[in-house]
Amino acid sequence: RKLLSNPNGLILGTPGSGKSFAAKREMVNVFLVTDDDIIICDPEAEYAPLVRRLHGQIIRISPVGSDYINPLDINMNYADEEDPVTLKSDFVLSMCELIVGGKEGLQPIEKTVIDRCVRSVYRGYLNDPCPENMPILGDLYAELRRQDEKEAQYIATALEIYVTGSLNVFNHRTNINVDNRVVSFDIKELGKQLKKI
């Protein structure tokens, strides 16, 4: 399958037809036959028994949990030819598009303000790239609040629930290690919270 021009797969079927079982069987095959990593996004918390059996790692992303992933983490070696801050700015723009954008998406001024603030919050880290200097969402929020444009205040207000509100799970430094070959991200509790918004 990996030799094909598109190795991706999609499992479709009616409820109860065995989609999850087929996915689990494929994961076991990959685990036994290859050296590939297996990364699972588990919105229903249904893969935990299999992951435990394979001695994998389960990361519970929850508003009341203690596992954190910093969406502003940056890898300076991610791409040889592209500026990692530019790549991260593109990611943050996409994230804000989902949070703030609405039907029309982000407006040009909003995009400019976000890009400016992203570049600003990484200055300290680029000058001294130690883990303590890695920015978090709260740093971006504070930088947006320092801007004069009303658009910046609007974006900051939209981000507030993720910084100081009930969904502040993404306003922490990463404290997990994903070196395990089998990693499952259990997002069931987070999904419940997001559905309420």
Protein backbone atom coordinates (compact mmCIF):
# COMPACT_ATOMS: atom_id res chain seq x y z
CA ARG A 1 0.00 0.00 0.00
CA LYS A 2 2.84 2.42 0.79
CA LEU A 3 4.16 1.95 -2.74
CA LEU A 4 0.97 3.35 -4.28
CA SER A 5 0.76 6.98 -5.38
CA ASN A 6 -1.76 7.55 -2.58
CA PRO A 7 -1.37 5.14 0.35
CA ASN A 8 -4.28 6.63 2.33
CA GLY A 9 -7.29 4.53 3.18
CA LEU A 10 -10.85 5.16 4.23
CA ILE A 11 -13.16 2.74 6.04
CA LEU A 12 -16.85 3.31 5.31
CA GLY A 13 -19.90 1.40 6.48
CA THR A 14 -23.18 1.57 8.31
CA PRO A 15 -23.22 1.65 12.14
CA GLY A 16 -22.40 -1.76 13.56
CA SER A 17 -20.90 -3.09 10.32
CA GLY A 18 -17.39 -3.50 11.75
CA LYS A 19 -15.54 -0.28 10.84
CA SER A 20 -13.77 -0.04 14.20
CA PHE A 21 -12.92 -3.74 14.15
CA ALA A 22 -11.42 -3.36 10.66
CA ALA A 23 -9.36 -0.37 11.81
CA LYS A 24 -8.11 -2.25 14.89
CA ARG A 25 -7.21 -5.28 12.78
CA GLU A 26 -5.23 -3.08 10.41
CA MET A 27 -3.41 -1.45 13.34
CA VAL A 28 -2.40 -4.87 14.69
CA ASN A 29 -1.19 -5.89 11.21
CA VAL A 30 0.88 -2.71 10.93
CA PHE A 31 2.27 -3.27 14.43
CA LEU A 32 3.30 -6.88 13.71
CA VAL A 33 4.52 -6.57 10.12
CA THR A 34 6.13 -3.11 9.89
CA ASP A 35 8.16 -0.67 11.98
CA ASP A 36 5.67 2.13 11.30
CA ASP A 37 4.36 4.37 14.05
CA ILE A 38 0.65 4.15 14.85
CA ILE A 39 -1.03 7.41 15.86
CA ILE A 40 -4.69 7.31 16.82
CA CYS A 41 -7.11 10.19 17.30
CA ASP A 42 -9.78 8.56 19.47
CA PRO A 43 -12.91 10.74 19.86
CA GLU A 44 -14.92 7.91 21.46
CA ALA A 45 -12.21 6.43 23.75
CA GLU A 46 -12.68 3.03 22.09
CA TYR A 47 -9.08 2.15 21.22
CA ALA A 48 -7.59 2.23 24.75
CA PRO A 49 -7.73 -1.55 25.38
CA LEU A 50 -5.88 -2.27 22.12
CA VAL A 51 -3.29 0.46 22.78
CA ARG A 52 -2.63 -0.93 26.27
CA ARG A 53 -2.26 -4.44 24.84
CA LEU A 54 0.34 -3.14 22.37
CA HIS A 55 2.12 -1.35 25.26
CA GLY A 56 1.32 1.97 23.66
CA GLN A 57 0.73 5.36 25.24
CA ILE A 58 -2.69 6.92 25.83
CA ILE A 59 -2.78 10.70 26.07
CA ARG A 60 -6.04 12.09 27.47
CA ILE A 61 -6.70 15.61 26.27
CA SER A 62 -9.39 16.93 28.59
CA PRO A 63 -10.32 20.23 30.24
CA VAL A 64 -9.85 18.53 33.61
CA GLY A 65 -6.87 16.35 32.67
CA SER A 66 -3.16 16.73 33.25
CA ASP A 67 -1.86 15.85 29.76
CA TYR A 68 -1.08 18.96 27.74
CA ILE A 69 -0.08 19.74 24.17
CA ASN A 70 1.04 23.28 23.39
CA PRO A 71 -0.34 24.26 19.97
CA LEU A 72 2.43 26.85 19.70
CA ASP A 73 5.26 24.31 20.02
CA ILE A 74 7.72 24.83 17.20
CA ASN A 75 10.34 22.52 15.75
CA MET A 76 13.25 24.47 14.33
CA ASN A 77 14.29 21.43 12.22
CA TYR A 78 10.83 20.74 10.82
CA ALA A 79 11.56 21.92 7.29
CA ASP A 80 14.97 22.60 5.78
CA GLU A 81 13.81 25.13 3.20
CA GLU A 82 10.96 26.89 4.99
CA ASP A 83 11.00 29.24 7.96
CA PRO A 84 9.44 27.36 10.92
CA VAL A 85 7.84 30.56 12.24
CA THR A 86 6.13 31.08 8.89
CA LEU A 87 4.81 27.51 9.05
CA LYS A 88 3.59 28.08 12.62
CA SER A 89 1.95 31.36 11.62
CA ASP A 90 0.08 29.50 8.88
CA PHE A 91 -1.07 26.94 11.47
CA VAL A 92 -2.22 29.66 13.90
CA LEU A 93 -4.09 31.40 11.08
CA SER A 94 -5.90 28.13 10.34
CA MET A 95 -6.67 27.64 14.03
CA CYS A 96 -8.03 31.18 14.35
CA GLU A 97 -10.05 30.68 11.16
CA LEU A 98 -11.89 27.87 12.96
CA ILE A 99 -12.27 29.78 16.22
CA VAL A 100 -12.94 33.30 14.95
CA GLY A 101 -13.60 33.12 11.23
CA GLY A 102 -17.31 32.42 10.95
CA LYS A 103 -18.92 32.11 7.52
CA GLU A 104 -16.72 34.73 5.85
CA GLY A 105 -13.46 33.52 7.39
CA LEU A 106 -10.75 35.82 8.65
CA GLN A 107 -10.60 39.28 7.12
CA PRO A 108 -7.29 40.62 5.70
CA ILE A 109 -6.66 42.92 8.68
CA GLU A 110 -7.30 40.05 11.10
CA LYS A 111 -4.81 37.85 9.22
CA THR A 112 -2.21 40.60 9.30
CA VAL A 113 -2.65 41.19 13.03
CA ILE A 114 -2.41 37.47 13.82
CA ASP A 115 0.72 37.03 11.69
CA ARG A 116 2.38 40.06 13.32
CA CYS A 117 1.58 38.80 16.82
CA VAL A 118 2.75 35.24 16.10
CA ARG A 119 6.10 36.54 14.87
CA SER A 120 6.38 38.76 17.92
CA VAL A 121 5.75 36.00 20.49
CA TYR A 122 8.52 33.83 19.00
CA ARG A 123 11.24 36.50 19.26
CA GLY A 124 12.27 35.49 22.77
CA TYR A 125 12.39 31.82 21.85
CA LEU A 126 14.41 32.44 18.68
CA ASN A 127 16.93 34.49 20.67
CA ASP A 128 17.25 31.76 23.32
CA PRO A 129 15.62 28.48 22.18
CA CYS A 130 15.15 26.82 25.54
CA PRO A 131 11.87 25.10 26.55
CA GLU A 132 11.00 27.80 29.10
CA ASN A 133 10.93 30.40 26.31
CA MET A 134 8.49 28.46 24.12
CA PRO A 135 5.38 30.65 23.83
CA ILE A 136 1.95 29.39 24.82
CA LEU A 137 -1.50 30.51 23.72
CA GLY A 138 -1.63 32.98 26.62
CA ASP A 139 1.40 34.78 25.19
CA LEU A 140 -0.37 35.18 21.86
CA TYR A 141 -3.49 36.39 23.68
CA ALA A 142 -1.47 38.99 25.63
CA GLU A 143 0.24 40.17 22.44
CA LEU A 144 -3.12 40.57 20.71
CA ARG A 145 -4.38 42.62 23.68
CA ARG A 146 -1.38 44.95 23.27
CA GLN A 147 -2.33 45.82 19.68
CA ASP A 148 -4.26 48.98 18.81
CA GLU A 149 -6.57 47.52 16.15
CA LYS A 150 -10.11 46.64 17.17
CA GLU A 151 -9.71 43.44 15.16
CA ALA A 152 -6.94 42.34 17.53
CA GLN A 153 -9.25 42.85 20.51
CA TYR A 154 -11.98 40.84 18.76
CA ILE A 155 -9.60 37.93 18.07
CA ALA A 156 -8.26 38.03 21.63
CA THR A 157 -11.77 37.93 23.05
CA ALA A 158 -12.59 34.90 20.88
CA LEU A 159 -9.44 33.14 22.15
CA GLU A 160 -10.18 33.96 25.80
CA ILE A 161 -12.09 30.73 26.52
CA TYR A 162 -9.00 28.78 25.40
CA VAL A 163 -6.64 30.88 27.52
CA THR A 164 -8.38 31.67 30.80
CA GLY A 165 -11.74 29.99 30.31
CA SER A 166 -13.06 26.46 30.66
CA LEU A 167 -11.14 25.18 27.59
CA ASN A 168 -7.69 26.36 28.71
CA VAL A 169 -6.28 22.85 28.14
CA PHE A 170 -4.28 24.30 25.23
CA ASN A 171 -2.74 27.10 27.29
CA HIS A 172 0.04 25.00 28.83
CA ARG A 173 3.48 23.85 27.81
CA THR A 174 3.62 20.34 26.42
CA ASN A 175 4.23 17.83 29.20
CA ILE A 176 3.88 14.57 27.29
CA ASN A 177 6.39 12.41 25.50
CA VAL A 178 5.22 10.82 22.26
CA ASP A 179 8.26 8.61 21.65
CA ASN A 180 6.17 5.45 21.93
CA ARG A 181 5.51 3.64 18.66
CA VAL A 182 1.75 3.45 19.40
CA VAL A 183 0.17 6.69 20.63
CA SER A 184 -3.54 7.30 21.13
CA PHE A 185 -4.98 10.76 21.72
CA ASP A 186 -8.16 10.25 23.74
CA ILE A 187 -10.22 13.38 23.10
CA LYS A 188 -13.65 12.16 24.25
CA GLU A 189 -13.98 14.61 27.16
CA LEU A 190 -12.63 17.50 25.10
CA GLY A 191 -15.15 16.71 22.36
CA LYS A 192 -18.00 16.86 24.86
CA GLN A 193 -16.89 20.31 25.98
CA LEU A 194 -16.48 21.61 22.43
CA LYS A 195 -19.98 20.43 21.50
CA LYS A 196 -21.38 22.66 24.25
CA ILE A 197 -19.88 25.78 22.65
